């Protein structure tokens, strides 16, 4: 039986993108190829707030991820990848994960709920474990799955076969929600913008792009990135979202981002987890 290291497993509503407002189970895997600690900082500057607040001599003093402080700069899901907090993320068998999912569903079975597999970066090494998880007998009622990815990881041949089977035999809707990282994240363009990878996702499900916007430069960077994806053949929708580390920062530019999306014919996505839950852990 396969295992997955998870940082969060909870029931909430999808706050962003195509399925915004849909009741969903969130499975947040541990590990990411990015740190995205440039959000909210001057271009090229890195945020140390996460480390300064939560690190204590190389070990975290916290016993549960819900005790960790929310940060106003840097990655707002840092507990899902930072090695400082790896002990807070258990390694569970796929059977144990399925049983926990069924426990937190309102009717203890799949009805109209959605499954969101997120991270960190869920398409790293965990691709090998998803067939075991999603072929489980108790998961057969599941009809909608979203993989929230940064769009840099190629699909393995085994995972491609599983995706085809889920669409054909289980009649599942497979979605790739691609939160591509702009330079404001602190990540290098050539590492973050991978049009060919994302175009391949469209062969196995519905894919769309989401860009986090905080400044005028972010608008310009998004324009360049979208042009690169379109040139490679990407056909999916584009969403713009305001940066959402804290409710105050989120509310500062919601109108500007929405209006800019309208001028380009792109879609605007709110971030309901900020509106409703103030972006707390487990929401």
Protein backbone atom coordinates (compact mmCIF):
# COMPACT_ATOMS: atom_id res chain seq x y z
CA UNK A 1 0.00 0.00 0.00
CA UNK A 2 1.29 3.45 -0.95
CA UNK A 3 1.84 6.30 1.48
CA UNK A 4 1.61 10.09 1.23
CA UNK A 5 3.09 12.73 3.52
CA UNK A 6 0.32 15.24 4.16
CA UNK A 7 0.29 18.60 5.90
CA UNK A 8 -3.47 19.17 5.94
CA UNK A 9 -6.66 17.22 5.34
CA UNK A 10 -9.86 19.17 5.87
CA UNK A 11 -13.37 19.89 4.58
CA UNK A 12 -14.27 23.40 3.44
CA UNK A 13 -15.42 25.21 0.31
CA UNK A 14 -13.23 25.85 -2.70
CA UNK A 15 -12.20 29.48 -2.49
CA UNK A 16 -10.68 30.04 -5.92
CA UNK A 17 -11.04 29.39 -9.62
CA UNK A 18 -13.38 27.15 -11.56
CA UNK A 19 -15.07 25.45 -8.60
CA UNK A 20 -15.26 28.48 -6.28
CA UNK A 21 -17.95 27.91 -3.65
CA UNK A 22 -18.13 24.13 -4.11
CA UNK A 23 -17.91 22.03 -0.91
CA UNK A 24 -14.59 20.24 -1.09
CA UNK A 25 -12.19 17.95 0.70
CA UNK A 26 -8.66 19.38 0.62
CA UNK A 27 -5.73 16.98 0.69
CA UNK A 28 -2.57 19.07 1.06
CA UNK A 29 0.58 17.10 0.36
CA UNK A 30 3.97 17.97 1.84
CA UNK A 31 6.86 19.19 -0.32
CA UNK A 32 7.39 21.76 -3.06
CA UNK A 33 10.05 22.69 -5.60
CA UNK A 34 9.46 26.41 -4.86
CA UNK A 35 9.50 28.62 -1.76
CA UNK A 36 7.81 31.73 -3.24
CA UNK A 37 9.17 33.91 -0.45
CA UNK A 38 9.27 37.03 -2.63
CA UNK A 39 5.52 37.74 -2.36
CA UNK A 40 4.91 41.15 -0.85
CA UNK A 41 8.58 42.16 -1.02
CA UNK A 42 10.49 44.55 -3.26
CA UNK A 43 11.55 42.92 -6.52
CA UNK A 44 14.48 40.61 -5.83
CA UNK A 45 14.12 40.82 -2.04
CA UNK A 46 13.45 37.72 0.03
CA UNK A 47 11.28 37.46 3.12
CA UNK A 48 12.76 35.95 6.27
CA UNK A 49 9.64 36.55 8.36
CA UNK A 50 8.55 32.94 8.14
CA UNK A 51 11.87 31.65 9.42
CA UNK A 52 12.37 34.39 12.02
CA UNK A 53 8.96 33.81 13.56
CA UNK A 54 8.74 30.04 13.48
CA UNK A 55 12.30 28.69 13.67
CA UNK A 56 13.91 27.99 17.03
CA UNK A 57 17.48 26.67 16.76
CA UNK A 58 16.62 24.54 13.77
CA UNK A 59 13.53 23.02 15.34
CA UNK A 60 9.96 24.24 15.40
CA UNK A 61 8.49 24.80 18.89
CA UNK A 62 5.01 24.07 17.56
CA UNK A 63 3.12 20.82 18.06
CA UNK A 64 0.47 21.35 15.39
CA UNK A 65 0.43 23.31 12.13
CA UNK A 66 -2.64 25.26 13.34
CA UNK A 67 -0.40 26.87 15.96
CA UNK A 68 1.83 28.37 13.27
CA UNK A 69 1.49 32.12 12.64
CA UNK A 70 -0.02 33.30 9.38
CA UNK A 71 2.40 35.47 7.45
CA UNK A 72 1.77 38.66 5.50
CA UNK A 73 4.73 38.06 3.15
CA UNK A 74 6.00 34.96 1.46
CA UNK A 75 4.19 31.70 0.82
CA UNK A 76 0.94 31.46 2.79
CA UNK A 77 1.09 27.64 2.85
CA UNK A 78 4.70 27.44 4.01
CA UNK A 79 3.95 24.65 6.49
CA UNK A 80 3.39 22.34 3.55
CA UNK A 81 6.97 22.44 2.29
CA UNK A 82 9.38 24.04 4.77
CA UNK A 83 11.68 21.36 6.28
CA UNK A 84 11.36 23.16 9.63
CA UNK A 85 7.82 21.81 9.91
CA UNK A 86 8.16 18.37 8.36
CA UNK A 87 7.51 16.71 11.71
CA UNK A 88 4.04 18.28 11.74
CA UNK A 89 3.13 16.41 8.55
CA UNK A 90 2.51 12.68 9.06
CA UNK A 91 3.14 9.98 6.49
CA UNK A 92 -0.15 8.10 6.09
CA UNK A 93 -1.17 5.07 4.09
CA UNK A 94 -3.64 5.72 1.32
CA UNK A 95 -6.12 3.55 3.23
CA UNK A 96 -5.81 5.76 6.30
CA UNK A 97 -6.25 8.88 4.17
CA UNK A 98 -9.38 7.49 2.53
CA UNK A 99 -10.89 6.56 5.87
CA UNK A 100 -10.25 10.06 7.22
CA UNK A 101 -11.80 11.61 4.10
CA UNK A 102 -14.95 9.55 4.54
CA UNK A 103 -15.12 10.56 8.20
CA UNK A 104 -15.13 14.29 7.41
CA UNK A 105 -17.63 14.15 4.54
CA UNK A 106 -21.06 15.36 5.77
CA UNK A 107 -22.80 12.09 4.84
CA UNK A 108 -19.74 9.86 5.17
CA UNK A 109 -19.84 9.19 1.47
CA UNK A 110 -19.21 11.11 -1.76
CA UNK A 111 -22.21 13.01 -3.09
CA UNK A 112 -21.71 16.42 -4.71
CA UNK A 113 -18.43 17.18 -2.97
CA UNK A 114 -15.19 17.87 -4.80
CA UNK A 115 -11.67 16.60 -4.03
CA UNK A 116 -8.82 19.10 -4.19
CA UNK A 117 -5.29 17.70 -4.09
CA UNK A 118 -2.98 20.58 -3.35
CA UNK A 119 0.32 21.41 -1.70
CA UNK A 120 3.12 22.34 -1.69
CA UNK A 121 3.35 20.80 -5.13
CA UNK A 122 1.14 17.70 -5.39
CA UNK A 123 2.62 16.53 -8.72
CA UNK A 124 6.07 15.85 -7.34
CA UNK A 125 6.77 12.26 -6.25
CA UNK A 126 3.23 11.67 -5.01
CA UNK A 127 1.93 10.91 -8.52
CA UNK A 128 2.84 7.28 -7.88
CA UNK A 129 0.43 7.11 -4.91
CA UNK A 130 -2.69 8.67 -6.42
CA UNK A 131 -3.92 5.59 -8.32
CA UNK A 132 -3.89 3.60 -5.09
CA UNK A 133 -5.73 6.43 -3.32
CA UNK A 134 -8.33 7.23 -5.97
CA UNK A 135 -9.04 3.65 -7.05
CA UNK A 136 -10.01 2.80 -3.46
CA UNK A 137 -13.50 1.33 -3.23
CA UNK A 138 -14.69 4.10 -0.90
CA UNK A 139 -13.66 6.74 -3.46
CA UNK A 140 -15.74 5.43 -6.33
CA UNK A 141 -18.51 7.99 -5.77
CA UNK A 142 -16.08 10.85 -6.36
CA UNK A 143 -16.76 12.65 -9.65
CA UNK A 144 -14.66 15.84 -9.56
CA UNK A 145 -10.94 16.10 -8.81
CA UNK A 146 -8.70 19.15 -8.99
CA UNK A 147 -4.92 19.05 -8.81
CA UNK A 148 -3.69 22.47 -7.67
CA UNK A 149 -0.22 22.71 -9.18
CA UNK A 150 2.39 25.31 -10.05
CA UNK A 151 2.54 23.86 -13.57
CA UNK A 152 6.19 22.80 -13.62
CA UNK A 153 5.92 19.04 -13.11
CA UNK A 154 5.58 16.61 -16.01
CA UNK A 155 3.08 13.79 -15.70
CA UNK A 156 4.50 10.29 -15.33
CA UNK A 157 3.44 7.61 -17.81
CA UNK A 158 1.73 5.62 -15.04
CA UNK A 159 -0.20 8.65 -13.85
CA UNK A 160 -1.33 9.44 -17.39
CA UNK A 161 -2.81 5.97 -17.69
CA UNK A 162 -4.65 6.44 -14.40
CA UNK A 163 -6.05 9.81 -15.49
CA UNK A 164 -7.44 8.24 -18.66
CA UNK A 165 -9.03 5.40 -16.70
CA UNK A 166 -10.66 7.75 -14.21
CA UNK A 167 -12.23 9.77 -17.02
CA UNK A 168 -13.36 6.70 -18.97
CA UNK A 169 -14.48 4.24 -16.29
CA UNK A 170 -15.40 6.47 -13.35
CA UNK A 171 -16.70 9.39 -15.45
CA UNK A 172 -14.58 11.78 -13.39
CA UNK A 173 -13.96 15.41 -14.26
CA UNK A 174 -10.22 16.02 -13.94
CA UNK A 175 -9.03 19.61 -13.54
CA UNK A 176 -5.55 21.07 -13.31
CA UNK A 177 -5.63 24.42 -11.55
CA UNK A 178 -2.28 25.91 -12.52
CA UNK A 179 -1.07 28.68 -10.24
CA UNK A 180 1.91 29.73 -12.33
CA UNK A 181 4.45 31.78 -10.40
CA UNK A 182 5.32 35.26 -11.65
CA UNK A 183 8.60 37.03 -10.74
CA UNK A 184 6.86 38.63 -7.73
CA UNK A 185 7.05 35.17 -6.12
CA UNK A 186 10.82 35.32 -6.10
CA UNK A 187 11.12 32.37 -8.49
CA UNK A 188 13.08 32.56 -11.75
CA UNK A 189 10.99 32.87 -14.93
CA UNK A 190 12.55 29.88 -16.71
CA UNK A 191 11.94 27.68 -13.66
CA UNK A 192 8.34 28.80 -13.12
CA UNK A 193 6.81 29.29 -16.58
CA UNK A 194 6.63 25.93 -18.37
CA UNK A 195 4.10 26.22 -21.23
CA UNK A 196 4.81 22.78 -22.74
CA UNK A 197 4.16 21.09 -19.39
CA UNK A 198 0.83 22.83 -18.90
CA UNK A 199 -0.26 22.15 -22.48
CA UNK A 200 0.20 18.46 -21.81
CA UNK A 201 -2.17 18.70 -18.83
CA UNK A 202 -4.92 19.70 -21.27
CA UNK A 203 -4.64 16.27 -22.89
CA UNK A 204 -5.77 14.61 -19.66
CA UNK A 205 -8.32 17.03 -18.26
CA UNK A 206 -9.36 20.66 -18.08
CA UNK A 207 -6.54 23.06 -17.27
CA UNK A 208 -6.68 26.72 -16.41
CA UNK A 209 -4.18 29.36 -15.29
CA UNK A 210 -4.33 31.46 -12.11
CA UNK A 211 -2.06 34.43 -11.50
CA UNK A 212 -1.63 36.22 -8.18
CA UNK A 213 -1.51 39.99 -8.68
CA UNK A 214 -0.25 42.66 -6.27
CA UNK A 215 1.31 45.41 -8.42
CA UNK A 216 1.26 47.01 -11.86
CA UNK A 217 4.40 45.02 -12.72
CA UNK A 218 2.52 41.81 -11.94
CA UNK A 219 -0.08 42.75 -14.56
CA UNK A 220 2.67 43.17 -17.15
CA UNK A 221 4.34 39.91 -16.14
CA UNK A 222 1.01 38.08 -16.39
CA UNK A 223 0.54 39.43 -19.92
CA UNK A 224 3.95 38.04 -20.94
CA UNK A 225 3.31 34.68 -19.31
CA UNK A 226 -0.11 34.26 -20.89
CA UNK A 227 1.34 35.09 -24.30
CA UNK A 228 3.95 32.36 -23.79
CA UNK A 229 1.31 29.78 -22.84
CA UNK A 230 -0.93 30.74 -25.79
CA UNK A 231 2.01 30.51 -28.20
CA UNK A 232 2.63 26.96 -27.00
CA UNK A 233 -1.00 26.04 -27.73
CA UNK A 234 -2.68 26.44 -24.35
CA UNK A 235 -6.45 26.93 -24.80
CA UNK A 236 -7.78 27.10 -21.23
CA UNK A 237 -9.21 30.00 -19.24
CA UNK A 238 -7.12 32.57 -17.38
CA UNK A 239 -7.96 33.82 -13.87
CA UNK A 240 -6.46 36.79 -12.04
CA UNK A 241 -6.52 36.84 -8.24
CA UNK A 242 -5.45 39.48 -5.70
CA UNK A 243 -2.59 38.54 -3.40
CA UNK A 244 -4.08 37.05 -0.26
CA UNK A 245 -1.57 36.48 2.54
CA UNK A 246 -3.71 38.54 4.92
CA UNK A 247 -7.25 39.91 4.69
CA UNK A 248 -5.94 43.50 4.76
CA UNK A 249 -3.57 42.98 1.85
CA UNK A 250 -6.19 40.99 -0.06
CA UNK A 251 -8.81 43.73 0.22
CA UNK A 252 -6.38 46.42 -0.94
CA UNK A 253 -6.45 45.46 -4.61
CA UNK A 254 -9.50 43.27 -5.28
CA UNK A 255 -11.21 45.99 -7.33
CA UNK A 256 -8.09 46.82 -9.37
CA UNK A 257 -7.47 43.17 -10.22
CA UNK A 258 -11.12 42.59 -11.16
CA UNK A 259 -11.21 45.65 -13.41
CA UNK A 260 -7.97 44.69 -15.14
CA UNK A 261 -9.25 41.16 -15.78
CA UNK A 262 -12.36 42.65 -17.36
CA UNK A 263 -10.33 44.80 -19.75
CA UNK A 264 -8.53 41.69 -21.05
CA UNK A 265 -11.50 39.36 -21.14
CA UNK A 266 -9.97 37.13 -18.47
CA UNK A 267 -11.73 35.76 -15.42
CA UNK A 268 -11.49 37.25 -11.95
CA UNK A 269 -11.29 34.92 -8.98
CA UNK A 270 -12.05 35.98 -5.46
CA UNK A 271 -10.34 34.12 -2.61
CA UNK A 272 -13.24 33.05 -0.43
CA UNK A 273 -10.91 31.63 2.21
CA UNK A 274 -9.87 35.23 2.88
CA UNK A 275 -13.40 36.65 2.73
CA UNK A 276 -14.91 34.04 5.02
CA UNK A 277 -12.15 32.48 7.12
CA UNK A 278 -9.47 35.23 7.13
CA UNK A 279 -7.15 32.66 5.50
CA UNK A 280 -6.81 30.60 8.69
CA UNK A 281 -5.10 27.24 8.58
CA UNK A 282 -7.40 24.39 7.65
CA UNK A 283 -9.72 26.52 5.51
